[in-house]
Amino acid sequence: NPQIVYDILSAPTLAGIALEETLYVGDSDVDMQTAHNAHLAAIGCTWGFYKREQLLDNHPDYIAEQPSDILSFIQK
């Protein structure tokens, strides 16, 4: 259910941030599904709960092998 994503993005401190400017970072199949359901780019993190193959089964837009990889997915 993507509702939690919408609730977070509607917080006053995040006002004006578009879905297209948001990345969803997670380590599980549920995280990847939530990102897709919320129409966000999904980053699967291999150092978390699931292995790389399980993340790939849920079609992340990006795979991060280490935290610093996330920086390369951010367009400046």
Protein backbone atom coordinates (compact mmCIF):
# COMPACT_ATOMS: atom_id res chain seq x y z
CA ASN A 1 0.00 0.00 0.00
CA PRO A 2 1.63 3.28 -1.08
CA GLN A 3 -0.40 5.43 1.35
CA ILE A 4 2.47 5.79 3.82
CA VAL A 5 4.61 7.25 1.02
CA TYR A 6 1.93 9.79 0.20
CA ASP A 7 1.50 10.64 3.89
CA ILE A 8 5.22 11.25 4.28
CA LEU A 9 5.46 13.37 1.13
CA SER A 10 2.51 15.47 2.27
CA ALA A 11 4.34 16.53 5.46
CA PRO A 12 4.82 20.30 5.59
CA THR A 13 8.62 19.99 5.62
CA LEU A 14 8.48 18.06 2.33
CA ALA A 15 5.94 20.28 0.60
CA GLY A 16 6.70 20.79 -3.05
CA ILE A 17 8.73 17.61 -3.56
CA ALA A 18 7.35 15.79 -6.58
CA LEU A 19 7.12 12.02 -6.93
CA GLU A 20 9.46 12.28 -9.91
CA GLU A 21 12.10 13.76 -7.58
CA THR A 22 11.78 11.02 -4.98
CA LEU A 23 13.70 7.76 -4.62
CA TYR A 24 12.45 4.90 -2.47
CA VAL A 25 15.31 2.97 -0.88
CA GLY A 26 14.64 -0.46 0.57
CA ASP A 27 15.94 -3.95 1.14
CA SER A 28 12.89 -6.16 0.61
CA ASP A 29 10.29 -7.24 -1.89
CA VAL A 30 7.67 -5.22 -0.02
CA ASP A 31 9.82 -2.11 -0.34
CA MET A 32 10.18 -2.59 -4.10
CA GLN A 33 6.43 -3.20 -4.48
CA THR A 34 5.60 -0.13 -2.37
CA ALA A 35 7.90 2.02 -4.49
CA HIS A 36 6.30 0.80 -7.71
CA ASN A 37 2.78 1.20 -6.35
CA ALA A 38 3.62 4.78 -5.36
CA HIS A 39 5.15 5.42 -8.81
CA LEU A 40 8.60 6.09 -7.37
CA ALA A 41 12.01 4.95 -8.54
CA ALA A 42 12.99 1.93 -6.44
CA ILE A 43 16.51 1.33 -5.15
CA GLY A 44 17.17 -2.17 -3.85
CA CYS A 45 19.91 -2.36 -1.21
CA THR A 46 21.83 -5.63 -1.18
CA TRP A 47 23.20 -5.21 2.35
CA GLY A 48 19.77 -5.55 3.92
CA PHE A 49 17.24 -8.29 4.51
CA TYR A 50 17.06 -9.80 1.00
CA LYS A 51 19.75 -11.03 -1.36
CA ARG A 52 20.40 -9.36 -4.71
CA GLU A 53 18.53 -12.04 -6.69
CA GLN A 54 15.39 -11.59 -4.60
CA LEU A 55 15.50 -7.84 -5.11
CA LEU A 56 15.94 -8.28 -8.86
CA ASP A 57 12.84 -10.50 -8.91
CA ASN A 58 10.91 -7.39 -7.81
CA HIS A 59 12.34 -5.14 -10.55
CA PRO A 60 14.10 -2.31 -8.75
CA ASP A 61 15.10 0.61 -10.94
CA TYR A 62 18.55 0.55 -9.36
CA ILE A 63 20.63 -1.79 -7.19
CA ALA A 64 22.91 -0.38 -4.50
CA GLU A 65 25.73 -2.63 -3.34
CA GLN A 66 26.83 -0.09 -0.73
CA PRO A 67 25.30 3.11 0.67
CA SER A 68 27.52 5.38 -1.41
CA ASP A 69 26.01 3.86 -4.59
CA ILE A 70 22.79 5.73 -3.85
CA LEU A 71 24.54 9.03 -4.56
CA SER A 72 25.13 7.96 -8.15
CA PHE A 73 21.37 7.58 -8.68
CA ILE A 74 20.66 11.16 -7.71
CA GLN A 75 20.63 13.52 -10.66
CA LYS A 76 22.16 16.85 -9.80
